[in-house]
Amino acid sequence: MTNIFACIDGSPAMTAVCDAAAWAAANTGLPVTLLHVLEKNEFEGESDLSGNIGLGSREQLLKELAELDHQRSRLAHEQGRMLLNSSKAYLAGLGMTGVETLQRHGQLVETTQELSSGMRMLIMGKQGTTMPTS
């Protein structure tokens, strides 16, 4: 069976995406899957500093940087789960039941291409959580 996939990212458009998914589900009878994609650039560090580290402190600092990256990754995953759960609760408040959640690591375009065989409709906001700098 094909689903309506609603991409959730924590942007201001998240409620509108949920509203559109609820409307589409009500008019098609298709189930909704909330999708959150953790793109690597969301939780990776600023840059690779390994070449700028002195010989004596290099190993310890690299270890600390790796631990920090791991913490960023864990927190991004946890934040994504919270976004999915709050969106599912929002849809439940609209009377929707049976909403599935899915969190993936990767790039949004590639992830949606992988899932396309089970996708009847894809709903996403116009602009994500990262704003381009001018």
N, C-alpha and C. Protein backbone atom coordinates (compact mmCIF):
# COMPACT_ATOMS: atom_id res chain seq x y z
N MET A 1 0.84 -1.17 0.00
CA MET A 1 0.00 0.00 0.00
C MET A 1 0.88 1.24 0.00
N THR A 2 0.46 2.27 -0.68
CA THR A 2 1.22 3.51 -0.72
C THR A 2 0.75 4.45 0.38
N ASN A 3 1.66 5.28 0.82
CA ASN A 3 1.40 6.20 1.92
C ASN A 3 1.56 7.65 1.49
N ILE A 4 1.08 8.51 2.34
CA ILE A 4 1.36 9.93 2.26
C ILE A 4 2.55 10.16 3.19
N PHE A 5 3.64 10.67 2.66
CA PHE A 5 4.81 10.97 3.47
C PHE A 5 4.85 12.46 3.74
N ALA A 6 4.96 12.82 5.01
CA ALA A 6 5.05 14.21 5.42
C ALA A 6 6.42 14.42 6.05
N CYS A 7 7.22 15.29 5.45
CA CYS A 7 8.58 15.55 5.93
C CYS A 7 8.56 16.56 7.06
N ILE A 8 9.09 16.14 8.20
CA ILE A 8 9.09 16.94 9.42
C ILE A 8 10.53 17.34 9.73
N ASP A 9 10.76 18.65 9.98
CA ASP A 9 12.12 19.09 10.27
C ASP A 9 12.22 20.13 11.37
N GLY A 10 11.14 20.50 11.99
CA GLY A 10 11.19 21.49 13.05
C GLY A 10 11.11 22.92 12.56
N SER A 11 10.88 23.12 11.28
CA SER A 11 10.76 24.47 10.74
C SER A 11 9.38 25.03 11.07
N PRO A 12 9.19 26.34 10.88
CA PRO A 12 7.87 26.93 11.13
C PRO A 12 6.75 26.33 10.27
N ALA A 13 7.10 25.69 9.16
CA ALA A 13 6.11 25.10 8.27
C ALA A 13 5.64 23.72 8.74
N MET A 14 6.19 23.22 9.84
CA MET A 14 5.88 21.86 10.28
C MET A 14 4.38 21.65 10.53
N THR A 15 3.72 22.61 11.16
CA THR A 15 2.29 22.48 11.42
C THR A 15 1.51 22.46 10.11
N ALA A 16 1.90 23.32 9.18
CA ALA A 16 1.23 23.35 7.87
C ALA A 16 1.41 22.03 7.13
N VAL A 17 2.59 21.42 7.25
CA VAL A 17 2.84 20.12 6.63
C VAL A 17 1.92 19.07 7.24
N CYS A 18 1.78 19.09 8.56
CA CYS A 18 0.88 18.15 9.23
C CYS A 18 -0.57 18.39 8.82
N ASP A 19 -0.98 19.65 8.73
CA ASP A 19 -2.34 19.97 8.30
C ASP A 19 -2.60 19.47 6.88
N ALA A 20 -1.63 19.66 6.00
CA ALA A 20 -1.78 19.19 4.62
C ALA A 20 -1.85 17.67 4.56
N ALA A 21 -1.04 17.00 5.38
CA ALA A 21 -1.07 15.53 5.41
C ALA A 21 -2.42 15.03 5.93
N ALA A 22 -2.96 15.69 6.94
CA ALA A 22 -4.27 15.30 7.48
C ALA A 22 -5.36 15.50 6.43
N TRP A 23 -5.30 16.62 5.73
CA TRP A 23 -6.28 16.88 4.67
C TRP A 23 -6.18 15.83 3.57
N ALA A 24 -4.96 15.55 3.14
CA ALA A 24 -4.75 14.57 2.07
C ALA A 24 -5.23 13.19 2.50
N ALA A 25 -4.94 12.80 3.73
CA ALA A 25 -5.38 11.50 4.24
C ALA A 25 -6.90 11.41 4.30
N ALA A 26 -7.54 12.49 4.73
CA ALA A 26 -8.99 12.50 4.82
C ALA A 26 -9.64 12.39 3.45
N ASN A 27 -8.99 12.93 2.43
CA ASN A 27 -9.55 12.93 1.08
C ASN A 27 -9.15 11.74 0.23
N THR A 28 -8.13 11.00 0.65
CA THR A 28 -7.69 9.84 -0.13
C THR A 28 -7.87 8.53 0.61
N GLY A 29 -7.96 8.60 1.93
CA GLY A 29 -8.04 7.38 2.73
C GLY A 29 -6.70 6.68 2.90
N LEU A 30 -5.62 7.33 2.50
CA LEU A 30 -4.29 6.74 2.61
C LEU A 30 -3.69 7.01 3.98
N PRO A 31 -2.86 6.08 4.47
CA PRO A 31 -2.18 6.31 5.75
C PRO A 31 -1.06 7.34 5.61
N VAL A 32 -0.71 7.94 6.74
CA VAL A 32 0.34 8.96 6.78
C VAL A 32 1.57 8.41 7.48
N THR A 33 2.72 8.68 6.90
CA THR A 33 4.01 8.41 7.52
C THR A 33 4.74 9.72 7.68
N LEU A 34 5.10 10.05 8.92
CA LEU A 34 5.91 11.23 9.20
C LEU A 34 7.37 10.85 9.03
N LEU A 35 8.09 11.62 8.25
CA LEU A 35 9.49 11.32 7.93
C LEU A 35 10.40 12.44 8.41
N HIS A 36 11.43 12.06 9.15
CA HIS A 36 12.47 13.02 9.56
C HIS A 36 13.80 12.46 9.09
N VAL A 37 14.54 13.24 8.31
CA VAL A 37 15.83 12.81 7.78
C VAL A 37 16.92 13.61 8.47
N LEU A 38 17.83 12.88 9.11
CA LEU A 38 18.99 13.50 9.75
C LEU A 38 20.10 13.61 8.71
N GLU A 39 20.27 14.81 8.19
CA GLU A 39 21.35 15.03 7.24
C GLU A 39 22.62 15.29 8.03
N LYS A 40 23.72 14.75 7.57
CA LYS A 40 24.98 14.83 8.31
C LYS A 40 25.36 16.26 8.67
N ASN A 41 25.13 17.21 7.79
CA ASN A 41 25.52 18.59 8.07
C ASN A 41 24.72 19.21 9.21
N GLU A 42 23.63 18.57 9.65
CA GLU A 42 22.84 19.09 10.77
C GLU A 42 23.56 18.93 12.09
N PHE A 43 24.40 17.91 12.22
CA PHE A 43 25.01 17.65 13.51
C PHE A 43 26.52 17.50 13.48
N GLU A 44 27.15 17.74 12.34
CA GLU A 44 28.60 17.61 12.30
C GLU A 44 29.26 18.88 12.81
N GLY A 45 30.51 18.76 13.21
CA GLY A 45 31.25 19.90 13.74
C GLY A 45 31.54 20.94 12.67
N GLU A 46 32.08 22.06 13.12
CA GLU A 46 32.37 23.17 12.22
C GLU A 46 33.37 22.80 11.13
N SER A 47 34.50 22.20 11.52
CA SER A 47 35.52 21.86 10.54
C SER A 47 36.49 20.86 11.15
N ASP A 48 37.36 20.34 10.32
CA ASP A 48 38.39 19.42 10.78
C ASP A 48 39.58 20.23 11.25
N LEU A 49 39.82 20.19 12.55
CA LEU A 49 40.91 20.97 13.13
C LEU A 49 42.17 20.16 13.37
N SER A 50 42.20 18.92 12.91
CA SER A 50 43.32 18.03 13.24
C SER A 50 44.66 18.56 12.75
N GLY A 51 44.70 19.31 11.67
CA GLY A 51 45.96 19.84 11.17
C GLY A 51 46.47 21.02 11.96
N ASN A 52 45.63 21.63 12.77
CA ASN A 52 45.99 22.82 13.54
C ASN A 52 46.34 22.50 14.99
N ILE A 53 46.37 21.24 15.34
CA ILE A 53 46.58 20.85 16.72
C ILE A 53 48.05 20.51 16.93
N GLY A 54 48.62 21.00 18.04
CA GLY A 54 50.02 20.72 18.36
C GLY A 54 50.23 19.24 18.65
N LEU A 55 51.48 18.80 18.55
CA LEU A 55 51.80 17.39 18.71
C LEU A 55 51.44 16.85 20.10
N GLY A 56 51.69 17.60 21.17
CA GLY A 56 51.46 17.09 22.51
C GLY A 56 50.00 16.88 22.86
N SER A 57 49.15 17.78 22.41
CA SER A 57 47.73 17.70 22.80
C SER A 57 46.85 17.12 21.71
N ARG A 58 47.43 16.73 20.62
CA ARG A 58 46.66 16.32 19.45
C ARG A 58 45.72 15.14 19.73
N GLU A 59 46.25 14.07 20.32
CA GLU A 59 45.41 12.88 20.54
C GLU A 59 44.26 13.16 21.48
N GLN A 60 44.51 13.86 22.58
CA GLN A 60 43.45 14.16 23.54
C GLN A 60 42.39 15.06 22.92
N LEU A 61 42.81 16.07 22.20
CA LEU A 61 41.86 16.99 21.59
C LEU A 61 41.04 16.29 20.50
N LEU A 62 41.68 15.44 19.71
CA LEU A 62 40.94 14.70 18.70
C LEU A 62 39.91 13.78 19.34
N LYS A 63 40.27 13.18 20.48
CA LYS A 63 39.34 12.32 21.20
C LYS A 63 38.14 13.15 21.69
N GLU A 64 38.42 14.32 22.23
CA GLU A 64 37.34 15.19 22.71
C GLU A 64 36.45 15.66 21.57
N LEU A 65 37.05 15.98 20.42
CA LEU A 65 36.26 16.38 19.26
C LEU A 65 35.37 15.24 18.76
N ALA A 66 35.89 14.03 18.78
CA ALA A 66 35.09 12.86 18.38
C ALA A 66 33.93 12.65 19.34
N GLU A 67 34.19 12.82 20.64
CA GLU A 67 33.12 12.68 21.63
C GLU A 67 32.05 13.76 21.43
N LEU A 68 32.48 14.96 21.12
CA LEU A 68 31.54 16.05 20.88
C LEU A 68 30.68 15.76 19.65
N ASP A 69 31.29 15.26 18.58
CA ASP A 69 30.53 14.88 17.39
C ASP A 69 29.51 13.79 17.71
N HIS A 70 29.91 12.82 18.53
CA HIS A 70 28.99 11.76 18.93
C HIS A 70 27.82 12.33 19.72
N GLN A 71 28.08 13.27 20.61
CA GLN A 71 27.01 13.90 21.39
C GLN A 71 26.08 14.69 20.48
N ARG A 72 26.63 15.42 19.53
CA ARG A 72 25.80 16.18 18.57
C ARG A 72 24.89 15.22 17.80
N SER A 73 25.43 14.11 17.37
CA SER A 73 24.66 13.13 16.62
C SER A 73 23.53 12.55 17.47
N ARG A 74 23.86 12.20 18.71
CA ARG A 74 22.85 11.65 19.62
C ARG A 74 21.74 12.65 19.90
N LEU A 75 22.12 13.91 20.13
CA LEU A 75 21.13 14.95 20.40
C LEU A 75 20.26 15.24 19.17
N ALA A 76 20.85 15.22 17.99
CA ALA A 76 20.08 15.43 16.76
C ALA A 76 19.07 14.30 16.57
N HIS A 77 19.48 13.08 16.86
CA HIS A 77 18.57 11.93 16.77
C HIS A 77 17.44 12.09 17.76
N GLU A 78 17.76 12.45 18.98
CA GLU A 78 16.74 12.62 20.03
C GLU A 78 15.78 13.76 19.66
N GLN A 79 16.31 14.86 19.16
CA GLN A 79 15.47 15.96 18.75
C GLN A 79 14.53 15.54 17.62
N GLY A 80 15.03 14.76 16.68
CA GLY A 80 14.19 14.26 15.59
C GLY A 80 13.06 13.38 16.09
N ARG A 81 13.36 12.50 17.05
CA ARG A 81 12.32 11.65 17.64
C ARG A 81 11.25 12.50 18.32
N MET A 82 11.69 13.55 19.02
CA MET A 82 10.74 14.44 19.68
C MET A 82 9.86 15.17 18.67
N LEU A 83 10.44 15.62 17.56
CA LEU A 83 9.66 16.27 16.50
C LEU A 83 8.63 15.32 15.92
N LEU A 84 9.06 14.08 15.67
CA LEU A 84 8.14 13.09 15.12
C LEU A 84 7.00 12.79 16.11
N ASN A 85 7.35 12.63 17.39
CA ASN A 85 6.33 12.33 18.39
C ASN A 85 5.35 13.48 18.58
N SER A 86 5.86 14.72 18.56
CA SER A 86 4.95 15.86 18.72
C SER A 86 4.06 16.02 17.49
N SER A 87 4.58 15.74 16.31
CA SER A 87 3.77 15.82 15.09
C SER A 87 2.71 14.73 15.08
N LYS A 88 3.08 13.54 15.55
CA LYS A 88 2.11 12.45 15.64
C LYS A 88 1.01 12.80 16.63
N ALA A 89 1.38 13.41 17.75
CA ALA A 89 0.38 13.83 18.74
C ALA A 89 -0.51 14.93 18.16
N TYR A 90 0.06 15.84 17.39
CA TYR A 90 -0.73 16.89 16.75
C TYR A 90 -1.77 16.28 15.81
N LEU A 91 -1.33 15.30 15.00
CA LEU A 91 -2.26 14.64 14.08
C LEU A 91 -3.32 13.84 14.85
N ALA A 92 -2.94 13.25 15.97
CA ALA A 92 -3.92 12.54 16.80
C ALA A 92 -4.97 13.52 17.31
N GLY A 93 -4.54 14.73 17.62
CA GLY A 93 -5.47 15.78 18.05
C GLY A 93 -6.44 16.17 16.95
N LEU A 94 -6.06 15.94 15.71
CA LEU A 94 -6.95 16.19 14.57
C LEU A 94 -7.83 14.98 14.25
N GLY A 95 -7.68 13.93 15.07
CA GLY A 95 -8.49 12.74 14.89
C GLY A 95 -7.86 11.64 14.05
N MET A 96 -6.60 11.80 13.72
CA MET A 96 -5.93 10.79 12.89
C MET A 96 -5.35 9.68 13.76
N THR A 97 -5.55 8.46 13.34
CA THR A 97 -4.97 7.31 14.02
C THR A 97 -4.10 6.53 13.03
N GLY A 98 -3.24 5.69 13.56
CA GLY A 98 -2.41 4.85 12.71
C GLY A 98 -1.30 5.58 11.99
N VAL A 99 -0.92 6.74 12.47
CA VAL A 99 0.17 7.51 11.85
C VAL A 99 1.49 6.84 12.21
N GLU A 100 2.31 6.57 11.21
CA GLU A 100 3.62 5.95 11.42
C GLU A 100 4.69 7.04 11.44
N THR A 101 5.81 6.75 12.09
CA THR A 101 6.94 7.67 12.09
C THR A 101 8.17 6.93 11.57
N LEU A 102 9.03 7.67 10.90
CA LEU A 102 10.23 7.09 10.32
C LEU A 102 11.35 8.12 10.38
N GLN A 103 12.47 7.71 10.96
CA GLN A 103 13.65 8.59 11.00
C GLN A 103 14.78 7.90 10.26
N ARG A 104 15.41 8.63 9.37
CA ARG A 104 16.51 8.09 8.58
C ARG A 104 17.72 9.01 8.64
N HIS A 105 18.90 8.43 8.45
CA HIS A 105 20.14 9.19 8.29
C HIS A 105 20.43 9.25 6.80
N GLY A 106 20.87 10.39 6.32
CA GLY A 106 21.21 10.52 4.92
C GLY A 106 20.80 11.87 4.37
N GLN A 107 20.66 11.94 3.08
CA GLN A 107 20.23 13.16 2.41
C GLN A 107 18.75 13.03 2.06
N LEU A 108 18.02 14.13 2.15
CA LEU A 108 16.58 14.11 1.93
C LEU A 108 16.21 13.57 0.55
N VAL A 109 16.87 14.05 -0.48
CA VAL A 109 16.52 13.64 -1.84
C VAL A 109 16.74 12.13 -2.02
N GLU A 110 17.90 11.64 -1.60
CA GLU A 110 18.18 10.22 -1.74
C GLU A 110 17.23 9.37 -0.91
N THR A 111 16.89 9.83 0.29
CA THR A 111 15.98 9.09 1.15
C THR A 111 14.59 9.01 0.53
N THR A 112 14.10 10.10 0.00
CA THR A 112 12.77 10.07 -0.61
C THR A 112 12.78 9.21 -1.88
N GLN A 113 13.89 9.20 -2.59
CA GLN A 113 13.97 8.32 -3.76
C GLN A 113 13.92 6.86 -3.34
N GLU A 114 14.62 6.50 -2.24
CA GLU A 114 14.60 5.13 -1.75
C GLU A 114 13.20 4.70 -1.31
N LEU A 115 12.44 5.62 -0.77
CA LEU A 115 11.11 5.31 -0.24
C LEU A 115 10.01 5.49 -1.27
N SER A 116 10.34 5.95 -2.45
CA SER A 116 9.34 6.33 -3.45
C SER A 116 8.40 5.21 -3.86
N SER A 117 8.83 3.97 -3.79
CA SER A 117 7.94 2.88 -4.21
C SER A 117 6.72 2.75 -3.29
N GLY A 118 6.85 3.19 -2.04
CA GLY A 118 5.72 3.14 -1.12
C GLY A 118 5.07 4.50 -0.92
N MET A 119 5.37 5.43 -1.80
CA MET A 119 4.93 6.81 -1.63
C MET A 119 3.91 7.19 -2.70
N ARG A 120 2.76 7.63 -2.24
CA ARG A 120 1.75 8.13 -3.17
C ARG A 120 1.83 9.65 -3.26
N MET A 121 2.18 10.27 -2.13
CA MET A 121 2.27 11.72 -2.07
C MET A 121 3.38 12.10 -1.10
N LEU A 122 4.09 13.18 -1.41
CA LEU A 122 5.15 13.70 -0.54
C LEU A 122 4.81 15.14 -0.21
N ILE A 123 4.77 15.43 1.08
CA ILE A 123 4.46 16.79 1.53
C ILE A 123 5.65 17.30 2.32
N MET A 124 6.10 18.51 1.97
CA MET A 124 7.19 19.13 2.72
C MET A 124 7.01 20.63 2.68
N GLY A 125 7.65 21.30 3.63
CA GLY A 125 7.59 22.75 3.69
C GLY A 125 8.45 23.38 2.61
N LYS A 126 8.24 24.65 2.42
CA LYS A 126 8.98 25.39 1.39
C LYS A 126 10.43 25.61 1.78
N GLN A 127 10.67 25.85 3.06
CA GLN A 127 12.03 26.14 3.51
C GLN A 127 12.29 25.38 4.79
N GLY A 128 13.44 24.75 4.87
CA GLY A 128 13.78 23.96 6.06
C GLY A 128 14.22 24.82 7.23
N THR A 129 14.89 24.19 8.17
CA THR A 129 15.32 24.90 9.36
C THR A 129 16.57 25.72 9.16
N THR A 130 17.34 25.44 8.10
CA THR A 130 18.55 26.22 7.85
C THR A 130 18.22 27.31 6.82
N MET A 131 18.56 28.51 7.17
CA MET A 131 18.30 29.64 6.29
C MET A 131 19.60 30.01 5.59
N PRO A 132 19.54 30.27 4.28
CA PRO A 132 20.76 30.67 3.57
C PRO A 132 21.24 32.03 4.07
N THR A 133 22.55 32.18 4.14
CA THR A 133 23.11 33.47 4.57
C THR A 133 23.21 34.39 3.39
N SER A 134 22.90 35.65 3.62
CA SER A 134 22.94 36.65 2.53
C SER A 134 24.19 37.46 2.58
